[in-house]
Amino acid sequence: MKPIEVKEDIYWVGGIDWDLRNFHGYSTNRGSTYNAYLIIDDKVTLIDTVKSYLCDEMMERISEIIDPAEIDYVVSNHVEMDHSGSLPEIMEVAKEATVITSPKGEKGLKSHYDADWNFKVIDSNESLDLGRRSLEFVLTPMVHWPDNMVSYLPEDKLLFSNDAFGQHYASSERFDDQTPYDIVMEEAKKYYANIVLPYSSQVQNVLGTVGDLDIEIIAPSHGIIWRSNIEEIIQKYKKWSANETEEEAIIIYDTMWESTAKIATSIQRAFEAKDINTKMRKLGVNHISDIMTDVMTAEYICVGSPTLNNNMLPTVASFLTYLKGLAPKDRTGLAFGSYGWGGQSVGQVADILEECDFELLDPIKEQYIPNDDNLDEITERVKEQIK
């Protein structure tokens, strides 16, 4: 359990969860890391902690450098328990330590842990003298909780970015230039789509502030540390937060007797005829968090369901609930599906897409099993509506 030096006297001391496969309903097929950082200075400072079950791993790494009892400050950038879960254990060992947090961070930590710790509450643009270094703080509310903040070491040009720029990715390598670039960017996009997307306007505000900082390293709370591709990940965040879409269609559906699947294929042909790239995503086969990664940059969102018991299929209802919560904006939606005698599902899908403020194409609703003529007609109807 060795610590890893990020810069001189600054160490990664977090924990690696190789087996994590679900994080709040988000599939984490490559595991995750919970990143904590130790700064050795006149005032020994720990930036965040790890999820509680990895506390021993973090403690072992810290103990390779110093006695954890020597920690003077613990900076809590975020209250959520994947960040703060080991804070009670740290404070039990480092009894004289002060917890540095935002106003809402103090309130949240006290509520979570019934804590009577020594708190120092800070605000944006305040700094903390560590000796040879100083920590500067920027409050970043709703990226993605009200208490969130980031911490910056100007002397080392190092930003502790909290959840921003993170990825759920377990790796024994700690830096972006040690890992496959395409995988890291894929996981960064998935992280944004499933965690940060609803707060894009707040992200743009933060990017304005971060853009004024001189940054050589971005050290997030999950995944690898950025040191070679900083401009690339910042540009991606600018694109994602600006809701920039690509001319692409995502066709998301589930089916009972394959009729809705046939409609989905006819819709795909319409987009292909217009030279628009498509992706077919059958629910139950593809996880909703992977689908959302595609949705984040797609212009057309097509959702299909047959009718079951006067409703859409549960898999489709689950996806639409997830989609609505993550709130992508300014898309074009299409509801489609088959039915036997009720046919309520297509209207229900359309209603939710409309609640998402999507511009809707005319819905596609077919009774029983569509024949070849029906399917060709569907393709033509959709083609006529595509811009």
Protein backbone atom coordinates (compact mmCIF):
# COMPACT_ATOMS: atom_id res chain seq x y z
CA MET A 1 0.00 0.00 0.00
CA LYS A 2 2.55 2.53 -1.15
CA PRO A 3 1.75 6.24 -1.52
CA ILE A 4 2.50 7.84 -4.88
CA GLU A 5 4.23 11.20 -5.13
CA VAL A 6 2.29 13.68 -7.25
CA LYS A 7 4.76 16.51 -6.70
CA GLU A 8 7.50 17.00 -4.14
CA ASP A 9 5.97 16.45 -0.69
CA ILE A 10 2.49 15.92 -2.17
CA TYR A 11 1.24 12.33 -2.21
CA TRP A 12 -1.72 10.34 -3.41
CA VAL A 13 -2.84 8.23 -0.44
CA GLY A 14 -6.29 7.09 -1.62
CA GLY A 15 -7.90 3.70 -2.11
CA ILE A 16 -8.57 1.54 -5.16
CA ASP A 17 -11.82 -0.38 -5.47
CA TRP A 18 -11.17 -2.94 -8.16
CA ASP A 19 -14.51 -4.70 -7.65
CA LEU A 20 -16.97 -1.78 -7.69
CA ARG A 21 -19.60 -2.41 -10.35
CA ASN A 22 -22.42 -0.10 -9.30
CA PHE A 23 -22.29 3.47 -8.04
CA HIS A 24 -25.73 5.00 -7.40
CA GLY A 25 -27.16 2.98 -10.29
CA TYR A 26 -24.25 3.88 -12.59
CA SER A 27 -22.42 0.81 -13.90
CA THR A 28 -18.72 1.01 -13.06
CA ASN A 29 -17.32 -1.82 -15.14
CA ARG A 30 -13.74 -0.69 -14.58
CA GLY A 31 -14.06 -0.14 -10.82
CA SER A 32 -13.08 3.16 -9.24
CA THR A 33 -10.62 4.96 -7.02
CA TYR A 34 -11.31 7.20 -4.05
CA ASN A 35 -8.55 9.76 -4.10
CA ALA A 36 -7.08 11.42 -1.03
CA TYR A 37 -3.95 13.57 -1.05
CA LEU A 38 -1.40 14.33 1.65
CA ILE A 39 0.61 17.58 1.69
CA ILE A 40 3.75 17.59 3.83
CA ASP A 41 4.48 21.13 5.00
CA ASP A 42 4.71 23.02 8.27
CA LYS A 43 1.04 22.14 8.53
CA VAL A 44 0.45 18.57 7.39
CA THR A 45 -2.74 18.58 5.35
CA LEU A 46 -4.97 15.77 4.11
CA ILE A 47 -7.23 16.58 1.16
CA ASP A 48 -10.38 14.46 1.55
CA THR A 49 -10.60 10.83 2.64
CA VAL A 50 -11.95 7.62 1.11
CA LYS A 51 -15.04 5.46 1.34
CA SER A 52 -15.16 3.87 4.80
CA TYR A 53 -14.30 0.32 3.77
CA LEU A 54 -11.00 1.53 2.25
CA CYS A 55 -9.95 3.45 5.35
CA ASP A 56 -7.26 0.93 6.35
CA GLU A 57 -5.75 1.17 2.87
CA MET A 58 -5.56 4.96 3.11
CA MET A 59 -4.14 4.82 6.64
CA GLU A 60 -1.45 2.41 5.54
CA ARG A 61 -0.37 4.75 2.76
CA ILE A 62 -0.33 7.76 5.07
CA SER A 63 1.69 5.80 7.62
CA GLU A 64 4.38 5.17 5.00
CA ILE A 65 5.02 8.93 5.09
CA ILE A 66 4.08 10.18 8.57
CA ASP A 67 2.23 9.19 11.69
CA PRO A 68 -1.44 10.04 10.88
CA ALA A 69 -1.66 11.67 14.33
CA GLU A 70 0.55 14.46 12.94
CA ILE A 71 -2.11 15.68 10.51
CA ASP A 72 -2.96 19.32 11.24
CA TYR A 73 -5.68 20.00 8.66
CA VAL A 74 -8.22 17.81 6.90
CA VAL A 75 -9.79 19.57 3.93
CA SER A 76 -13.28 18.28 3.20
CA ASN A 77 -14.07 19.42 -0.34
CA HIS A 78 -17.30 17.41 -0.40
CA VAL A 79 -19.55 15.82 2.25
CA GLU A 80 -20.69 12.79 0.23
CA MET A 81 -19.52 9.59 1.92
CA ASP A 82 -17.28 8.40 -0.89
CA HIS A 83 -15.20 11.47 0.07
CA SER A 84 -15.85 11.78 3.79
CA GLY A 85 -16.49 8.18 4.80
CA SER A 86 -13.17 7.78 6.63
CA LEU A 87 -13.21 11.21 8.25
CA PRO A 88 -14.40 9.91 11.66
CA GLU A 89 -11.48 7.47 11.79
CA ILE A 90 -8.99 10.17 10.78
CA MET A 91 -10.30 12.55 13.42
CA GLU A 92 -10.10 9.83 16.04
CA VAL A 93 -6.38 9.41 15.28
CA ALA A 94 -5.52 13.07 14.51
CA LYS A 95 -7.29 14.44 17.56
CA GLU A 96 -5.90 17.98 17.22
CA ALA A 97 -6.67 18.32 13.52
CA THR A 98 -8.94 21.02 12.14
CA VAL A 99 -11.53 20.23 9.47
CA ILE A 100 -11.50 22.83 6.69
CA THR A 101 -14.78 22.99 4.80
CA SER A 102 -17.43 25.23 3.26
CA PRO A 103 -20.37 26.63 5.25
CA LYS A 104 -22.69 23.96 3.89
CA GLY A 105 -19.91 21.42 4.28
CA GLU A 106 -19.84 22.03 8.03
CA LYS A 107 -23.59 21.63 8.23
CA GLY A 108 -23.51 18.44 6.16
CA LEU A 109 -20.66 16.83 8.09
CA LYS A 110 -22.32 17.55 11.42
CA SER A 111 -25.54 16.02 10.13
CA HIS A 112 -23.81 12.94 8.73
CA TYR A 113 -21.54 12.16 11.67
CA ASP A 114 -22.99 14.05 14.65
CA ALA A 115 -19.46 15.44 14.81
CA ASP A 116 -18.01 17.74 17.44
CA TRP A 117 -14.77 18.34 15.58
CA ASN A 118 -12.77 21.54 15.35
CA PHE A 119 -14.13 23.16 12.19
CA LYS A 120 -12.75 26.07 10.21
CA VAL A 121 -15.33 27.31 7.73
CA ILE A 122 -13.98 29.05 4.66
CA ASP A 123 -15.47 30.95 1.73
CA SER A 124 -14.42 31.53 -1.87
CA ASN A 125 -11.06 33.28 -2.35
CA GLU A 126 -9.95 32.53 1.20
CA SER A 127 -6.56 30.92 1.68
CA LEU A 128 -4.90 28.74 4.30
CA ASP A 129 -1.22 29.10 5.18
CA LEU A 130 0.54 25.73 5.28
CA GLY A 131 4.11 27.05 5.58
CA ARG A 132 5.96 26.96 2.28
CA ARG A 133 2.61 26.71 0.53
CA SER A 134 -0.87 28.10 0.79
CA LEU A 135 -4.18 26.53 -0.15
CA GLU A 136 -6.72 28.67 -1.93
CA PHE A 137 -10.40 27.74 -2.04
CA VAL A 138 -13.21 28.24 -4.51
CA LEU A 139 -16.77 27.28 -3.58
CA THR A 140 -18.44 25.34 -6.42
CA PRO A 141 -22.02 24.82 -5.22
CA MET A 142 -24.08 22.25 -7.12
CA VAL A 143 -21.13 20.68 -8.87
CA HIS A 144 -22.68 18.46 -7.82
CA TRP A 145 -23.83 19.06 -4.17
CA PRO A 146 -24.49 22.39 -2.40
CA ASP A 147 -21.36 22.00 -0.23
CA ASN A 148 -18.85 21.41 -3.01
CA MET A 149 -15.59 23.33 -3.28
CA VAL A 150 -12.18 22.93 -4.91
CA SER A 151 -8.73 23.61 -3.47
CA TYR A 152 -5.72 25.05 -5.29
CA LEU A 153 -2.00 25.11 -4.49
CA PRO A 154 -0.61 28.09 -6.45
CA GLU A 155 3.01 27.25 -5.60
CA ASP A 156 2.63 23.85 -7.25
CA LYS A 157 0.01 24.87 -9.82
CA LEU A 158 -2.10 21.96 -8.60
CA LEU A 159 -5.90 21.91 -8.50
CA PHE A 160 -7.69 19.44 -6.22
CA SER A 161 -10.82 19.43 -8.36
CA ASN A 162 -13.20 17.33 -6.27
CA ASP A 163 -15.71 15.51 -8.53
CA ALA A 164 -14.94 17.66 -11.57
CA PHE A 165 -12.71 15.97 -14.18
CA GLY A 166 -13.10 12.60 -12.44
CA GLN A 167 -13.69 9.12 -13.77
CA HIS A 168 -14.76 5.83 -12.20
CA TYR A 169 -11.65 3.89 -13.16
CA ALA A 170 -9.54 1.52 -11.07
CA SER A 171 -5.88 1.45 -12.01
CA SER A 172 -2.53 0.92 -10.37
CA GLU A 173 -1.27 3.80 -12.54
CA ARG A 174 -2.08 7.24 -11.20
CA PHE A 175 -1.55 9.61 -14.13
CA ASP A 176 -3.26 10.19 -17.46
CA ASP A 177 -0.06 9.65 -19.45
CA GLN A 178 0.35 6.18 -17.91
CA THR A 179 -3.06 4.92 -19.03
CA PRO A 180 -4.80 4.46 -22.40
CA TYR A 181 -6.03 7.89 -23.49
CA ASP A 182 -9.21 6.63 -25.16
CA ILE A 183 -10.30 4.66 -22.08
CA VAL A 184 -9.68 7.57 -19.71
CA MET A 185 -11.64 9.97 -21.94
CA GLU A 186 -14.45 7.45 -22.34
CA GLU A 187 -14.72 7.12 -18.56
CA ALA A 188 -14.52 10.90 -18.10
CA LYS A 189 -17.41 11.33 -20.54
CA LYS A 190 -19.45 8.64 -18.80
CA TYR A 191 -18.78 10.29 -15.43
CA TYR A 192 -19.95 13.65 -16.74
CA ALA A 193 -23.05 12.18 -18.40
CA ASN A 194 -24.21 10.30 -15.31
CA ILE A 195 -23.18 12.61 -12.46
CA VAL A 196 -22.37 16.14 -13.61
CA LEU A 197 -24.72 16.69 -16.59
CA PRO A 198 -27.67 18.24 -14.67
CA TYR A 199 -25.33 20.92 -13.32
CA SER A 200 -23.81 22.07 -16.60
CA SER A 201 -24.63 25.75 -16.09
CA GLN A 202 -22.81 25.66 -12.75
CA VAL A 203 -19.90 23.84 -14.42
CA GLN A 204 -19.59 26.69 -16.91
CA ASN A 205 -19.34 29.18 -14.05
CA VAL A 206 -16.62 27.09 -12.42
CA LEU A 207 -14.73 26.72 -15.71
CA GLY A 208 -14.60 30.49 -15.89
CA THR A 209 -12.93 30.61 -12.49
CA VAL A 210 -10.66 27.64 -13.12
CA GLY A 211 -9.66 29.12 -16.46
CA ASP A 212 -7.96 31.97 -14.61
CA LEU A 213 -5.73 29.59 -12.66
CA ASP A 214 -2.28 28.45 -13.74
CA ILE A 215 -2.68 24.66 -13.67
CA GLU A 216 -0.08 21.97 -14.26
CA ILE A 217 -1.91 19.14 -12.48
CA ILE A 218 -5.59 18.40 -11.88
CA ALA A 219 -6.11 15.92 -9.05
CA PRO A 220 -9.76 14.78 -8.95
CA SER A 221 -11.52 12.70 -6.33
CA HIS A 222 -11.98 9.68 -8.61
CA GLY A 223 -9.81 8.10 -11.26
CA ILE A 224 -6.48 9.19 -12.66
CA ILE A 225 -4.65 12.49 -12.13
CA TRP A 226 -4.33 14.80 -15.15
CA ARG A 227 -0.88 16.16 -15.96
CA SER A 228 -0.38 15.70 -19.72
CA ASN A 229 -3.86 16.19 -21.18
CA ILE A 230 -5.14 19.09 -19.10
CA GLU A 231 -6.14 21.30 -22.02
CA GLU A 232 -7.95 18.37 -23.65
CA ILE A 233 -10.09 17.52 -20.62
CA ILE A 234 -10.89 21.20 -19.97
CA GLN A 235 -12.00 21.60 -23.60
CA LYS A 236 -14.18 18.49 -23.27
CA TYR A 237 -15.83 19.96 -20.17
CA LYS A 238 -16.45 23.20 -22.04
CA LYS A 239 -18.14 21.25 -24.86
CA TRP A 240 -20.18 19.00 -22.57
CA SER A 241 -21.30 21.83 -20.30
CA ALA A 242 -22.29 23.95 -23.32
CA ASN A 243 -24.67 21.16 -24.42
CA GLU A 244 -23.01 20.84 -27.82
CA THR A 245 -24.54 17.92 -29.72
CA GLU A 246 -23.41 15.97 -32.75
CA GLU A 247 -25.53 14.91 -35.70
CA GLU A 248 -26.22 11.48 -34.30
CA ALA A 249 -29.31 9.45 -33.43
CA ILE A 250 -29.60 7.12 -30.45
CA ILE A 251 -32.43 4.59 -30.77
CA ILE A 252 -33.31 3.20 -27.34
CA TYR A 253 -35.97 0.53 -27.00
CA ASP A 254 -37.19 -2.69 -25.47
CA THR A 255 -39.43 -5.23 -27.11
CA MET A 256 -41.71 -8.18 -26.22
CA TRP A 257 -42.39 -10.01 -29.49
CA GLU A 258 -39.89 -8.11 -31.69
CA SER A 259 -42.43 -5.76 -33.26
CA THR A 260 -40.96 -2.70 -31.50
CA ALA A 261 -37.49 -3.93 -32.50
CA LYS A 262 -38.60 -4.00 -36.14
CA ILE A 263 -39.87 -0.42 -35.84
CA ALA A 264 -36.51 0.57 -34.31
CA THR A 265 -34.69 -0.87 -37.32
CA SER A 266 -36.96 1.04 -39.71
CA ILE A 267 -36.21 4.26 -37.84
CA GLN A 268 -32.49 3.48 -38.05
CA ARG A 269 -32.80 3.16 -41.85
CA ALA A 270 -34.33 6.63 -42.00
CA PHE A 271 -31.40 8.22 -40.21
CA GLU A 272 -28.88 6.26 -42.27
CA ALA A 273 -30.61 7.47 -45.45
CA LYS A 274 -29.90 11.00 -44.23
CA ASP A 275 -26.24 10.10 -43.55
CA ILE A 276 -26.76 10.50 -39.80
CA ASN A 277 -24.83 8.07 -37.62
CA THR A 278 -27.03 5.91 -35.43
CA LYS A 279 -26.59 3.71 -32.38
CA MET A 280 -29.09 1.04 -31.42
CA ARG A 281 -29.41 0.49 -27.68
CA LYS A 282 -31.72 -2.26 -26.50
CA LEU A 283 -32.64 -1.87 -22.84
CA GLY A 284 -31.95 -4.88 -20.67
CA VAL A 285 -28.85 -5.53 -22.77
CA ASN A 286 -27.24 -2.09 -22.45
CA HIS A 287 -27.00 -0.41 -19.05
CA ILE A 288 -28.81 2.92 -18.73
CA SER A 289 -25.61 4.68 -17.63
CA ASP A 290 -23.83 3.55 -20.80
CA ILE A 291 -26.78 4.71 -22.87
CA MET A 292 -26.68 8.13 -21.18
CA THR A 293 -23.06 8.47 -22.23
CA ASP A 294 -24.26 8.23 -25.84
CA VAL A 295 -27.27 10.47 -25.22
CA MET A 296 -25.12 13.30 -23.88
CA THR A 297 -23.81 14.32 -27.29
CA ALA A 298 -26.58 13.03 -29.60
CA GLU A 299 -29.06 15.35 -31.33
CA TYR A 300 -31.83 12.76 -31.82
CA ILE A 301 -33.16 10.64 -28.95
CA CYS A 302 -35.63 7.96 -30.08
CA VAL A 303 -37.32 5.85 -27.40
CA GLY A 304 -39.58 2.87 -28.04
CA SER A 305 -41.75 0.54 -26.00
CA PRO A 306 -44.59 -1.89 -26.57
CA THR A 307 -47.62 -1.60 -24.28
CA LEU A 308 -47.77 -3.87 -21.23
CA ASN A 309 -50.72 -3.65 -18.83
CA ASN A 310 -51.67 -0.23 -20.20
CA ASN A 311 -48.12 1.06 -19.63
CA MET A 312 -44.67 1.07 -21.15
CA LEU A 313 -42.24 -1.71 -20.26
CA PRO A 314 -40.55 -1.29 -16.86
CA THR A 315 -37.11 -1.13 -18.51
CA VAL A 316 -38.23 1.83 -20.63
CA ALA A 317 -39.89 3.56 -17.68
CA SER A 318 -36.68 3.16 -15.67
CA PHE A 319 -34.56 4.66 -18.45
CA LEU A 320 -36.90 7.61 -18.95
CA THR A 321 -36.88 8.36 -15.22
CA TYR A 322 -33.08 8.31 -15.31
CA LEU A 323 -33.01 10.48 -18.46
CA LYS A 324 -35.39 13.05 -16.98
CA GLY A 325 -33.29 13.36 -13.83
CA LEU A 326 -30.08 13.97 -15.78
CA ALA A 327 -31.88 16.62 -17.84
CA PRO A 328 -30.13 16.84 -21.23
CA LYS A 329 -31.42 19.89 -23.09
CA ASP A 330 -32.38 20.91 -26.63
CA ARG A 331 -32.73 17.48 -28.21
CA THR A 332 -35.13 16.14 -30.81
CA GLY A 333 -37.20 13.23 -29.50
CA LEU A 334 -39.19 10.47 -31.13
CA ALA A 335 -41.56 8.07 -29.33
CA PHE A 336 -42.42 4.77 -30.99
CA GLY A 337 -43.77 1.33 -30.23
CA SER A 338 -46.19 -1.47 -30.98
CA TYR A 339 -49.33 -2.56 -29.19
CA GLY A 340 -52.09 -5.13 -29.22
CA TRP A 341 -55.30 -3.47 -28.04
CA GLY A 342 -54.35 -0.67 -25.60
CA GLY A 343 -51.49 1.29 -27.08
CA GLN A 344 -50.85 3.69 -24.18
CA SER A 345 -47.05 3.27 -24.09
CA VAL A 346 -46.16 5.52 -27.03
CA GLY A 347 -48.10 8.45 -25.64
CA GLN A 348 -46.50 7.93 -22.23
CA VAL A 349 -43.03 7.94 -23.76
CA ALA A 350 -43.85 11.07 -25.75
CA ASP A 351 -45.14 12.82 -22.62
CA ILE A 352 -41.88 12.26 -20.78
CA LEU A 353 -39.77 13.36 -23.74
CA GLU A 354 -41.88 16.50 -23.88
CA GLU A 355 -41.34 17.04 -20.14
CA CYS A 356 -37.61 16.95 -20.95
CA ASP A 357 -38.25 19.91 -23.29
CA PHE A 358 -37.37 17.91 -26.38
CA GLU A 359 -38.75 18.96 -29.74
CA LEU A 360 -40.83 15.95 -30.81
CA LEU A 361 -41.19 14.28 -34.17
CA ASP A 362 -44.54 12.66 -34.91
CA PRO A 363 -44.82 9.44 -32.89
CA ILE A 364 -44.74 6.00 -34.51
CA LYS A 365 -47.44 3.62 -33.25
CA GLU A 366 -48.10 0.26 -34.89
CA GLN A 367 -50.67 -2.39 -33.93
CA TYR A 368 -49.57 -6.00 -33.69
CA ILE A 369 -46.85 -7.05 -36.16
CA PRO A 370 -45.83 -4.49 -38.81
CA ASN A 371 -45.39 -5.96 -42.28
CA ASP A 372 -42.78 -4.91 -44.81
CA ASP A 373 -45.01 -2.19 -46.26
CA ASN A 374 -45.64 -0.77 -42.77
CA LEU A 375 -41.93 -0.76 -42.03
CA ASP A 376 -41.05 0.97 -45.31
CA GLU A 377 -43.73 3.58 -44.59
CA ILE A 378 -42.22 4.19 -41.13
CA THR A 379 -38.81 4.80 -42.68
CA GLU A 380 -40.27 7.32 -45.12
CA ARG A 381 -42.31 9.11 -42.42
CA VAL A 382 -39.25 9.56 -40.24
CA LYS A 383 -37.05 10.64 -43.16
CA GLU A 384 -39.53 13.41 -44.03
CA GLN A 385 -39.25 14.83 -40.50
CA ILE A 386 -35.48 14.76 -40.12
CA LYS A 387 -33.93 18.17 -40.72
